[in-house]
Amino acid sequence: MKAALNSPKSRPILSLRNARQPTAHRATVQLVVRVPTREAQLARCTLHALVGGALGVHTIDIDRRSDLACLHVELDRRRVAEAMALLMRTLSCAEFGAMRRLERAA
């Protein structure tokens, strides 16, 4: 009987996807953050520290003429205020651009 309890088939399967959101879709947004180019890595690391693996697709555009980096980050809309507050505390020079709502399948 003990062997059956410890077998891989008897263990429950945990899924973070189901635990996060019971609905079929979760609302995400694309947040645009502008920082000086030299601060782009710090901004990216700050966001990763906040949301970890929940940080969605992100790109960084570098404008050499204005020496600005523009981060395009997708994250759960419930984390936006927290992300913005953390970035403002960490990088007082951060500027926030347009935010766009996206629908993603859970």
PDB file of N, CA and C in Angstrom:
ATOM      1  N   MET A   1       0.822  -1.200   0.000  1.00  0.00           N
ATOM      2  CA  MET A   1       0.000   0.000   0.000  1.00  0.00           C
ATOM      3  C   MET A   1       0.855   1.249   0.000  1.00  0.00           C
ATOM      4  N   LYS A   2       1.970   1.239   0.774  1.00  0.00           N
ATOM      5  CA  LYS A   2       2.846   2.406   0.803  1.00  0.00           C
ATOM      6  C   LYS A   2       3.453   2.683  -0.559  1.00  0.00           C
ATOM      7  N   ALA A   3       3.825   1.655  -1.266  1.00  0.00           N
ATOM      8  CA  ALA A   3       4.432   1.834  -2.585  1.00  0.00           C
ATOM      9  C   ALA A   3       3.470   2.543  -3.525  1.00  0.00           C
ATOM     10  N   ALA A   4       2.188   2.225  -3.418  1.00  0.00           N
ATOM     11  CA  ALA A   4       1.196   2.859  -4.288  1.00  0.00           C
ATOM     12  C   ALA A   4       1.056   4.345  -3.983  1.00  0.00           C
ATOM     13  N   LEU A   5       1.195   4.733  -2.704  1.00  0.00           N
ATOM     14  CA  LEU A   5       1.080   6.145  -2.346  1.00  0.00           C
ATOM     15  C   LEU A   5       2.254   6.961  -2.856  1.00  0.00           C
ATOM     16  N   ASN A   6       3.422   6.352  -2.961  1.00  0.00           N
ATOM     17  CA  ASN A   6       4.605   7.078  -3.395  1.00  0.00           C
ATOM     18  C   ASN A   6       4.865   6.971  -4.885  1.00  0.00           C
ATOM     19  N   SER A   7       4.054   6.254  -5.595  1.00  0.00           N
ATOM     20  CA  SER A   7       4.283   6.111  -7.034  1.00  0.00           C
ATOM     21  C   SER A   7       3.915   7.408  -7.738  1.00  0.00           C
ATOM     22  N   PRO A   8       4.585   7.701  -8.842  1.00  0.00           N
ATOM     23  CA  PRO A   8       4.317   8.949  -9.566  1.00  0.00           C
ATOM     24  C   PRO A   8       2.870   9.092 -10.006  1.00  0.00           C
ATOM     25  N   LYS A   9       2.188   7.983 -10.279  1.00  0.00           N
ATOM     26  CA  LYS A   9       0.806   8.072 -10.748  1.00  0.00           C
ATOM     27  C   LYS A   9      -0.150   8.515  -9.651  1.00  0.00           C
ATOM     28  N   SER A  10       0.190   8.270  -8.387  1.00  0.00           N
ATOM     29  CA  SER A  10      -0.723   8.621  -7.305  1.00  0.00           C
ATOM     30  C   SER A  10      -0.544  10.053  -6.815  1.00  0.00           C
ATOM     31  N   ARG A  11       0.509  10.728  -7.251  1.00  0.00           N
ATOM     32  CA  ARG A  11       0.745  12.113  -6.810  1.00  0.00           C
ATOM     33  C   ARG A  11      -0.143  13.070  -7.590  1.00  0.00           C
ATOM     34  N   PRO A  12      -0.673  14.070  -6.923  1.00  0.00           N
ATOM     35  CA  PRO A  12      -1.497  15.053  -7.644  1.00  0.00           C
ATOM     36  C   PRO A  12      -0.619  15.903  -8.560  1.00  0.00           C
ATOM     37  N   ILE A  13      -1.164  16.261  -9.665  1.00  0.00           N
ATOM     38  CA  ILE A  13      -0.443  17.125 -10.610  1.00  0.00           C
ATOM     39  C   ILE A  13      -0.782  18.565 -10.269  1.00  0.00           C
ATOM     40  N   LEU A  14       0.241  19.363 -10.034  1.00  0.00           N
ATOM     41  CA  LEU A  14       0.042  20.778  -9.720  1.00  0.00           C
ATOM     42  C   LEU A  14       0.238  21.591 -10.978  1.00  0.00           C
ATOM     43  N   SER A  15      -0.647  22.500 -11.209  1.00  0.00           N
ATOM     44  CA  SER A  15      -0.544  23.367 -12.367  1.00  0.00           C
ATOM     45  C   SER A  15      -0.679  24.806 -11.919  1.00  0.00           C
ATOM     46  N   LEU A  16       0.375  25.593 -12.114  1.00  0.00           N
ATOM     47  CA  LEU A  16       0.311  27.009 -11.772  1.00  0.00           C
ATOM     48  C   LEU A  16      -0.663  27.742 -12.671  1.00  0.00           C
ATOM     49  N   ARG A  17      -0.786  27.279 -13.880  1.00  0.00           N
ATOM     50  CA  ARG A  17      -1.704  27.932 -14.808  1.00  0.00           C
ATOM     51  C   ARG A  17      -3.125  27.921 -14.247  1.00  0.00           C
ATOM     52  N   ASN A  18      -3.588  26.788 -13.749  1.00  0.00           N
ATOM     53  CA  ASN A  18      -4.935  26.702 -13.184  1.00  0.00           C
ATOM     54  C   ASN A  18      -5.047  27.425 -11.856  1.00  0.00           C
ATOM     55  N   ALA A  19      -3.980  27.445 -11.077  1.00  0.00           N
ATOM     56  CA  ALA A  19      -4.022  28.089  -9.765  1.00  0.00           C
ATOM     57  C   ALA A  19      -4.067  29.606  -9.877  1.00  0.00           C
ATOM     58  N   ARG A  20      -3.463  30.150 -10.926  1.00  0.00           N
ATOM     59  CA  ARG A  20      -3.403  31.599 -11.069  1.00  0.00           C
ATOM     60  C   ARG A  20      -4.745  32.216 -11.396  1.00  0.00           C
ATOM     61  N   GLN A  21      -5.451  31.653 -12.345  1.00  0.00           N
ATOM     62  CA  GLN A  21      -6.657  32.290 -12.837  1.00  0.00           C
ATOM     63  C   GLN A  21      -7.663  31.228 -13.240  1.00  0.00           C
ATOM     64  N   PRO A  22      -8.814  31.169 -12.585  1.00  0.00           N
ATOM     65  CA  PRO A  22      -9.777  30.132 -12.908  1.00  0.00           C
ATOM     66  C   PRO A  22     -10.511  30.365 -14.227  1.00  0.00           C
ATOM     67  N   THR A  23     -10.496  31.565 -14.768  1.00  0.00           N
ATOM     68  CA  THR A  23     -11.216  31.858 -15.995  1.00  0.00           C
ATOM     69  C   THR A  23     -10.385  31.474 -17.211  1.00  0.00           C
ATOM     70  N   ALA A  24     -11.019  31.477 -18.361  1.00  0.00           N
ATOM     71  CA  ALA A  24     -10.358  31.061 -19.595  1.00  0.00           C
ATOM     72  C   ALA A  24      -9.347  32.096 -20.087  1.00  0.00           C
ATOM     73  N   HIS A  25      -9.517  33.349 -19.732  1.00  0.00           N
ATOM     74  CA  HIS A  25      -8.617  34.403 -20.185  1.00  0.00           C
ATOM     75  C   HIS A  25      -8.135  35.210 -18.987  1.00  0.00           C
ATOM     76  N   ARG A  26      -6.922  35.731 -19.098  1.00  0.00           N
ATOM     77  CA  ARG A  26      -6.444  36.642 -18.070  1.00  0.00           C
ATOM     78  C   ARG A  26      -6.051  37.936 -18.771  1.00  0.00           C
ATOM     79  N   ALA A  27      -6.391  39.038 -18.166  1.00  0.00           N
ATOM     80  CA  ALA A  27      -6.134  40.331 -18.786  1.00  0.00           C
ATOM     81  C   ALA A  27      -4.688  40.735 -18.548  1.00  0.00           C
ATOM     82  N   THR A  28      -3.998  41.027 -19.625  1.00  0.00           N
ATOM     83  CA  THR A  28      -2.639  41.523 -19.528  1.00  0.00           C
ATOM     84  C   THR A  28      -2.589  42.870 -20.237  1.00  0.00           C
ATOM     85  N   VAL A  29      -1.561  43.617 -19.921  1.00  0.00           N
ATOM     86  CA  VAL A  29      -1.351  44.892 -20.583  1.00  0.00           C
ATOM     87  C   VAL A  29       0.076  44.954 -21.095  1.00  0.00           C
ATOM     88  N   GLN A  30       0.261  45.781 -22.083  1.00  0.00           N
ATOM     89  CA  GLN A  30       1.612  46.093 -22.535  1.00  0.00           C
ATOM     90  C   GLN A  30       1.929  47.478 -21.985  1.00  0.00           C
ATOM     91  N   LEU A  31       2.937  47.538 -21.159  1.00  0.00           N
ATOM     92  CA  LEU A  31       3.365  48.769 -20.510  1.00  0.00           C
ATOM     93  C   LEU A  31       4.642  49.247 -21.198  1.00  0.00           C
ATOM     94  N   VAL A  32       4.700  50.525 -21.498  1.00  0.00           N
ATOM     95  CA  VAL A  32       5.888  51.108 -22.121  1.00  0.00           C
ATOM     96  C   VAL A  32       6.601  51.964 -21.077  1.00  0.00           C
ATOM     97  N   VAL A  33       7.881  51.696 -20.890  1.00  0.00           N
ATOM     98  CA  VAL A  33       8.699  52.426 -19.924  1.00  0.00           C
ATOM     99  C   VAL A  33       9.927  52.961 -20.643  1.00  0.00           C
ATOM    100  N   ARG A  34      10.196  54.260 -20.479  1.00  0.00           N
ATOM    101  CA  ARG A  34      11.387  54.877 -21.068  1.00  0.00           C
ATOM    102  C   ARG A  34      12.372  55.238 -19.965  1.00  0.00           C
ATOM    103  N   VAL A  35      13.618  54.856 -20.181  1.00  0.00           N
ATOM    104  CA  VAL A  35      14.695  55.160 -19.232  1.00  0.00           C
ATOM    105  C   VAL A  35      15.948  55.493 -20.036  1.00  0.00           C
ATOM    106  N   PRO A  36      16.917  56.175 -19.427  1.00  0.00           N
ATOM    107  CA  PRO A  36      18.193  56.368 -20.117  1.00  0.00           C
ATOM    108  C   PRO A  36      18.795  55.002 -20.467  1.00  0.00           C
ATOM    109  N   THR A  37      19.470  54.928 -21.583  1.00  0.00           N
ATOM    110  CA  THR A  37      20.036  53.666 -22.056  1.00  0.00           C
ATOM    111  C   THR A  37      20.870  52.979 -20.984  1.00  0.00           C
ATOM    112  N   ARG A  38      21.649  53.736 -20.244  1.00  0.00           N
ATOM    113  CA  ARG A  38      22.518  53.136 -19.219  1.00  0.00           C
ATOM    114  C   ARG A  38      21.729  52.492 -18.090  1.00  0.00           C
ATOM    115  N   GLU A  39      20.415  52.794 -17.953  1.00  0.00           N
ATOM    116  CA  GLU A  39      19.567  52.248 -16.898  1.00  0.00           C
ATOM    117  C   GLU A  39      18.649  51.128 -17.384  1.00  0.00           C
ATOM    118  N   ALA A  40      18.728  50.764 -18.659  1.00  0.00           N
ATOM    119  CA  ALA A  40      17.817  49.757 -19.222  1.00  0.00           C
ATOM    120  C   ALA A  40      17.959  48.413 -18.530  1.00  0.00           C
ATOM    121  N   GLN A  41      19.177  47.985 -18.282  1.00  0.00           N
ATOM    122  CA  GLN A  41      19.394  46.700 -17.621  1.00  0.00           C
ATOM    123  C   GLN A  41      18.823  46.704 -16.199  1.00  0.00           C
ATOM    124  N   LEU A  42      19.007  47.801 -15.475  1.00  0.00           N
ATOM    125  CA  LEU A  42      18.463  47.908 -14.125  1.00  0.00           C
ATOM    126  C   LEU A  42      16.934  47.844 -14.155  1.00  0.00           C
ATOM    127  N   ALA A  43      16.314  48.526 -15.110  1.00  0.00           N
ATOM    128  CA  ALA A  43      14.853  48.498 -15.227  1.00  0.00           C
ATOM    129  C   ALA A  43      14.366  47.085 -15.508  1.00  0.00           C
ATOM    130  N   ARG A  44      15.021  46.391 -16.406  1.00  0.00           N
ATOM    131  CA  ARG A  44      14.644  45.014 -16.744  1.00  0.00           C
ATOM    132  C   ARG A  44      14.794  44.097 -15.527  1.00  0.00           C
ATOM    133  N   CYS A  45      15.908  44.206 -14.847  1.00  0.00           N
ATOM    134  CA  CYS A  45      16.148  43.373 -13.657  1.00  0.00           C
ATOM    135  C   CYS A  45      15.153  43.681 -12.544  1.00  0.00           C
ATOM    136  N   THR A  46      14.790  44.942 -12.397  1.00  0.00           N
ATOM    137  CA  THR A  46      13.810  45.342 -11.382  1.00  0.00           C
ATOM    138  C   THR A  46      12.462  44.695 -11.664  1.00  0.00           C
ATOM    139  N   LEU A  47      12.039  44.725 -12.922  1.00  0.00           N
ATOM    140  CA  LEU A  47      10.769  44.096 -13.290  1.00  0.00           C
ATOM    141  C   LEU A  47      10.821  42.584 -13.090  1.00  0.00           C
ATOM    142  N   HIS A  48      11.925  41.966 -13.459  1.00  0.00           N
ATOM    143  CA  HIS A  48      12.061  40.520 -13.261  1.00  0.00           C
ATOM    144  C   HIS A  48      12.016  40.168 -11.778  1.00  0.00           C
ATOM    145  N   ALA A  49      12.637  40.982 -10.943  1.00  0.00           N
ATOM    146  CA  ALA A  49      12.622  40.726  -9.501  1.00  0.00           C
ATOM    147  C   ALA A  49      11.203  40.821  -8.943  1.00  0.00           C
ATOM    148  N   LEU A  50      10.407  41.720  -9.496  1.00  0.00           N
ATOM    149  CA  LEU A  50       9.038  41.912  -9.020  1.00  0.00           C
ATOM    150  C   LEU A  50       8.122  40.774  -9.434  1.00  0.00           C
ATOM    151  N   VAL A  51       8.108  40.451 -10.703  1.00  0.00           N
ATOM    152  CA  VAL A  51       7.130  39.488 -11.203  1.00  0.00           C
ATOM    153  C   VAL A  51       7.738  38.172 -11.661  1.00  0.00           C
ATOM    154  N   GLY A  52       9.032  38.065 -11.702  1.00  0.00           N
ATOM    155  CA  GLY A  52       9.690  36.810 -12.055  1.00  0.00           C
ATOM    156  C   GLY A  52       9.220  36.244 -13.373  1.00  0.00           C
ATOM    157  N   GLY A  53       8.852  34.974 -13.343  1.00  0.00           N
ATOM    158  CA  GLY A  53       8.421  34.279 -14.542  1.00  0.00           C
ATOM    159  C   GLY A  53       7.094  34.770 -15.092  1.00  0.00           C
ATOM    160  N   ALA A  54       6.364  35.548 -14.311  1.00  0.00           N
ATOM    161  CA  ALA A  54       5.082  36.080 -14.779  1.00  0.00           C
ATOM    162  C   ALA A  54       5.271  37.236 -15.750  1.00  0.00           C
ATOM    163  N   LEU A  55       6.508  37.714 -15.854  1.00  0.00           N
ATOM    164  CA  LEU A  55       6.780  38.791 -16.808  1.00  0.00           C
ATOM    165  C   LEU A  55       6.646  38.217 -18.203  1.00  0.00           C
ATOM    166  N   GLY A  56       5.783  38.813 -18.988  1.00  0.00           N
ATOM    167  CA  GLY A  56       5.532  38.298 -20.330  1.00  0.00           C
ATOM    168  C   GLY A  56       6.587  38.767 -21.312  1.00  0.00           C
ATOM    169  N   VAL A  57       6.203  38.760 -22.556  1.00  0.00           N
ATOM    170  CA  VAL A  57       7.086  39.170 -23.635  1.00  0.00           C
ATOM    171  C   VAL A  57       7.585  40.581 -23.373  1.00  0.00           C
ATOM    172  N   HIS A  58       8.854  40.787 -23.572  1.00  0.00           N
ATOM    173  CA  HIS A  58       9.362  42.145 -23.437  1.00  0.00           C
ATOM    174  C   HIS A  58      10.462  42.383 -24.462  1.00  0.00           C
ATOM    175  N   THR A  59      10.480  43.603 -24.958  1.00  0.00           N
ATOM    176  CA  THR A  59      11.519  44.026 -25.894  1.00  0.00           C
ATOM    177  C   THR A  59      12.065  45.357 -25.410  1.00  0.00           C
ATOM    178  N   ILE A  60      13.261  45.653 -25.852  1.00  0.00           N
ATOM    179  CA  ILE A  60      13.880  46.935 -25.525  1.00  0.00           C
ATOM    180  C   ILE A  60      14.341  47.565 -26.822  1.00  0.00           C
ATOM    181  N   ASP A  61      13.825  48.761 -27.107  1.00  0.00           N
ATOM    182  CA  ASP A  61      14.266  49.541 -28.259  1.00  0.00           C
ATOM    183  C   ASP A  61      15.229  50.600 -27.762  1.00  0.00           C
ATOM    184  N   ILE A  62      16.360  50.732 -28.431  1.00  0.00           N
ATOM    185  CA  ILE A  62      17.367  51.712 -28.051  1.00  0.00           C
ATOM    186  C   ILE A  62      17.389  52.828 -29.093  1.00  0.00           C
ATOM    187  N   ASP A  63      17.234  54.063 -28.635  1.00  0.00           N
ATOM    188  CA  ASP A  63      17.346  55.234 -29.497  1.00  0.00           C
ATOM    189  C   ASP A  63      18.667  55.915 -29.166  1.00  0.00           C
ATOM    190  N   ARG A  64      19.648  55.705 -30.000  1.00  0.00           N
ATOM    191  CA  ARG A  64      20.991  56.240 -29.739  1.00  0.00           C
ATOM    192  C   ARG A  64      21.030  57.767 -29.804  1.00  0.00           C
ATOM    193  N   ARG A  65      20.191  58.370 -30.643  1.00  0.00           N
ATOM    194  CA  ARG A  65      20.201  59.834 -30.750  1.00  0.00           C
ATOM    195  C   ARG A  65      19.747  60.499 -29.457  1.00  0.00           C
ATOM    196  N   SER A  66      18.704  59.948 -28.836  1.00  0.00           N
ATOM    197  CA  SER A  66      18.205  60.554 -27.602  1.00  0.00           C
ATOM    198  C   SER A  66      18.756  59.857 -26.354  1.00  0.00           C
ATOM    199  N   ASP A  67      19.531  58.784 -26.549  1.00  0.00           N
ATOM    200  CA  ASP A  67      20.104  57.988 -25.454  1.00  0.00           C
ATOM    201  C   ASP A  67      19.021  57.479 -24.513  1.00  0.00           C
ATOM    202  N   LEU A  68      17.903  57.016 -25.111  1.00  0.00           N
ATOM    203  CA  LEU A  68      16.798  56.459 -24.333  1.00  0.00           C
ATOM    204  C   LEU A  68      16.544  55.013 -24.736  1.00  0.00           C
ATOM    205  N   ALA A  69      16.187  54.217 -23.746  1.00  0.00           N
ATOM    206  CA  ALA A  69      15.757  52.843 -23.986  1.00  0.00           C
ATOM    207  C   ALA A  69      14.260  52.787 -23.713  1.00  0.00           C
ATOM    208  N   CYS A  70      13.542  52.139 -24.579  1.00  0.00           N
ATOM    209  CA  CYS A  70      12.096  52.022 -24.441  1.00  0.00           C
ATOM    210  C   CYS A  70      11.774  50.541 -24.232  1.00  0.00           C
ATOM    211  N   LEU A  71      11.321  50.192 -23.037  1.00  0.00           N
ATOM    212  CA  LEU A  71      10.975  48.815 -22.708  1.00  0.00           C
ATOM    213  C   LEU A  71       9.492  48.610 -22.967  1.00  0.00           C
ATOM    214  N   HIS A  72       9.171  47.573 -23.710  1.00  0.00           N
ATOM    215  CA  HIS A  72       7.778  47.181 -23.966  1.00  0.00           C
ATOM    216  C   HIS A  72       7.571  45.883 -23.199  1.00  0.00           C
ATOM    217  N   VAL A  73       6.774  45.941 -22.144  1.00  0.00           N
ATOM    218  CA  VAL A  73       6.651  44.826 -21.216  1.00  0.00           C
ATOM    219  C   VAL A  73       5.196  44.388 -21.115  1.00  0.00           C
ATOM    220  N   GLU A  74       4.958  43.084 -21.164  1.00  0.00           N
ATOM    221  CA  GLU A  74       3.621  42.547 -20.944  1.00  0.00           C
ATOM    222  C   GLU A  74       3.569  41.942 -19.551  1.00  0.00           C
ATOM    223  N   LEU A  75       2.553  42.340 -18.786  1.00  0.00           N
ATOM    224  CA  LEU A  75       2.353  41.760 -17.466  1.00  0.00           C
ATOM    225  C   LEU A  75       0.881  41.799 -17.103  1.00  0.00           C
ATOM    226  N   ASP A  76       0.529  41.048 -16.096  1.00  0.00           N
ATOM    227  CA  ASP A  76      -0.845  40.990 -15.622  1.00  0.00           C
ATOM    228  C   ASP A  76      -1.272  42.389 -15.197  1.00  0.00           C
ATOM    229  N   ARG A  77      -2.441  42.798 -15.608  1.00  0.00           N
ATOM    230  CA  ARG A  77      -2.879  44.173 -15.324  1.00  0.00           C
ATOM    231  C   ARG A  77      -2.979  44.458 -13.826  1.00  0.00           C
ATOM    232  N   ARG A  78      -3.170  43.408 -13.017  1.00  0.00           N
ATOM    233  CA  ARG A  78      -3.246  43.601 -11.567  1.00  0.00           C
ATOM    234  C   ARG A  78      -1.900  43.972 -10.966  1.00  0.00           C
ATOM    235  N   ARG A  79      -0.801  43.782 -11.705  1.00  0.00           N
ATOM    236  CA  ARG A  79       0.536  44.075 -11.204  1.00  0.00           C
ATOM    237  C   ARG A  79       1.075  45.415 -11.706  1.00  0.00           C
ATOM    238  N   VAL A  80       0.317  46.136 -12.506  1.00  0.00           N
ATOM    239  CA  VAL A  80       0.804  47.378 -13.118  1.00  0.00           C
ATOM    240  C   VAL A  80       1.159  48.431 -12.077  1.00  0.00           C
ATOM    241  N   ALA A  81       0.266  48.707 -11.147  1.00  0.00           N
ATOM    242  CA  ALA A  81       0.535  49.745 -10.142  1.00  0.00           C
ATOM    243  C   ALA A  81       1.775  49.398  -9.326  1.00  0.00           C
ATOM    244  N   GLU A  82       1.899  48.142  -8.963  1.00  0.00           N
ATOM    245  CA  GLU A  82       3.052  47.680  -8.198  1.00  0.00           C
ATOM    246  C   GLU A  82       4.343  47.830  -9.009  1.00  0.00           C
ATOM    247  N   ALA A  83       4.291  47.459 -10.285  1.00  0.00           N
ATOM    248  CA  ALA A  83       5.465  47.576 -11.155  1.00  0.00           C
ATOM    249  C   ALA A  83       5.867  49.036 -11.335  1.00  0.00           C
ATOM    250  N   MET A  84       4.894  49.903 -11.560  1.00  0.00           N
ATOM    251  CA  MET A  84       5.191  51.316 -11.746  1.00  0.00           C
ATOM    252  C   MET A  84       5.777  51.931 -10.475  1.00  0.00           C
ATOM    253  N   ALA A  85       5.211  51.603  -9.330  1.00  0.00           N
ATOM    254  CA  ALA A  85       5.720  52.146  -8.064  1.00  0.00           C
ATOM    255  C   ALA A  85       7.162  51.696  -7.826  1.00  0.00           C
ATOM    256  N   LEU A  86       7.436  50.433  -8.085  1.00  0.00           N
ATOM    257  CA  LEU A  86       8.786  49.919  -7.888  1.00  0.00           C
ATOM    258  C   LEU A  86       9.778  50.589  -8.841  1.00  0.00           C
ATOM    259  N   LEU A  87       9.372  50.759 -10.084  1.00  0.00           N
ATOM    260  CA  LEU A  87      10.263  51.422 -11.045  1.00  0.00           C
ATOM    261  C   LEU A  87      10.507  52.878 -10.656  1.00  0.00           C
ATOM    262  N   MET A  88       9.488  53.568 -10.166  1.00  0.00           N
ATOM    263  CA  MET A  88       9.669  54.966  -9.767  1.00  0.00           C
ATOM    264  C   MET A  88      10.589  55.081  -8.553  1.00  0.00           C
ATOM    265  N   ARG A  89      10.498  54.113  -7.634  1.00  0.00           N
ATOM    266  CA  ARG A  89      11.401  54.130  -6.480  1.00  0.00           C
ATOM    267  C   ARG A  89      12.830  53.795  -6.894  1.00  0.00           C
ATOM    268  N   THR A  90      12.993  52.878  -7.811  1.00  0.00           N
ATOM    269  CA  THR A  90      14.314  52.420  -8.227  1.00  0.00           C
ATOM    270  C   THR A  90      14.950  53.368  -9.232  1.00  0.00           C
ATOM    271  N   LEU A  91      14.153  53.843 -10.179  1.00  0.00           N
ATOM    272  CA  LEU A  91      14.644  54.717 -11.254  1.00  0.00           C
ATOM    273  C   LEU A  91      13.768  55.959 -11.319  1.00  0.00           C
ATOM    274  N   SER A  92      14.158  56.997 -10.631  1.00  0.00           N
ATOM    275  CA  SER A  92      13.332  58.214 -10.611  1.00  0.00           C
ATOM    276  C   SER A  92      13.200  58.841 -11.994  1.00  0.00           C
ATOM    277  N   CYS A  93      14.090  58.461 -12.907  1.00  0.00           N
ATOM    278  CA  CYS A  93      14.056  59.016 -14.259  1.00  0.00           C
ATOM    279  C   CYS A  93      13.105  58.256 -15.187  1.00  0.00           C
ATOM    280  N   ALA A  94      12.473  57.188 -14.711  1.00  0.00           N
ATOM    281  CA  ALA A  94      11.585  56.383 -15.557  1.00  0.00           C
ATOM    282  C   ALA A  94      10.378  57.192 -15.999  1.00  0.00           C
ATOM    283  N   GLU A  95      10.051  57.056 -17.259  1.00  0.00           N
ATOM    284  CA  GLU A  95       8.855  57.687 -17.827  1.00  0.00           C
ATOM    285  C   GLU A  95       7.966  56.583 -18.358  1.00  0.00           C
ATOM    286  N   PHE A  96       6.670  56.746 -18.182  1.00  0.00           N
ATOM    287  CA  PHE A  96       5.729  55.732 -18.630  1.00  0.00           C
ATOM    288  C   PHE A  96       4.969  56.238 -19.834  1.00  0.00           C
ATOM    289  N   GLY A  97       4.893  55.398 -20.834  1.00  0.00           N
ATOM    290  CA  GLY A  97       4.189  55.743 -22.064  1.00  0.00           C
ATOM    291  C   GLY A  97       2.837  55.058 -22.109  1.00  0.00           C
ATOM    292  N   ALA A  98       2.396  54.825 -23.311  1.00  0.00           N
ATOM    293  CA  ALA A  98       1.080  54.224 -23.529  1.00  0.00           C
ATOM    294  C   ALA A  98       0.996  52.828 -22.931  1.00  0.00           C
ATOM    295  N   MET A  99      -0.194  52.516 -22.442  1.00  0.00           N
ATOM    296  CA  MET A  99      -0.476  51.183 -21.930  1.00  0.00           C
ATOM    297  C   MET A  99      -1.632  50.644 -22.761  1.00  0.00           C
ATOM    298  N   ARG A 100      -1.492  49.398 -23.171  1.00  0.00           N
ATOM    299  CA  ARG A 100      -2.513  48.821 -24.038  1.00  0.00           C
ATOM    300  C   ARG A 100      -2.951  47.489 -23.474  1.00  0.00           C
ATOM    301  N   ARG A 101      -4.245  47.268 -23.442  1.00  0.00           N
ATOM    302  CA  ARG A 101      -4.795  46.026 -22.894  1.00  0.00           C
ATOM    303  C   ARG A 101      -4.700  44.917 -23.948  1.00  0.00           C
ATOM    304  N   LEU A 102      -4.282  43.736 -23.495  1.00  0.00           N
ATOM    305  CA  LEU A 102      -4.173  42.570 -24.357  1.00  0.00           C
ATOM    306  C   LEU A 102      -4.988  41.443 -23.742  1.00  0.00           C
ATOM    307  N   GLU A 103      -5.523  40.577 -24.538  1.00  0.00           N
ATOM    308  CA  GLU A 103      -6.222  39.392 -24.022  1.00  0.00           C
ATOM    309  C   GLU A 103      -5.373  38.187 -24.363  1.00  0.00           C
ATOM    310  N   ARG A 104      -5.076  37.403 -23.351  1.00  0.00           N
ATOM    311  CA  ARG A 104      -4.271  36.198 -23.524  1.00  0.00           C
ATOM    312  C   ARG A 104      -5.045  35.008 -22.983  1.00  0.00           C
ATOM    313  N   ALA A 105      -4.922  33.888 -23.644  1.00  0.00           N
ATOM    314  CA  ALA A 105      -5.518  32.656 -23.139  1.00  0.00           C
ATOM    315  C   ALA A 105      -4.747  32.207 -21.923  1.00  0.00           C
ATOM    316  N   ALA A 106      -5.441  31.710 -20.933  1.00  0.00           N
ATOM    317  CA  ALA A 106      -4.782  31.255 -19.703  1.00  0.00           C
ATOM    318  C   ALA A 106      -4.100  29.942 -19.913  1.00  0.00           C
TER     319      ALA A 106
END
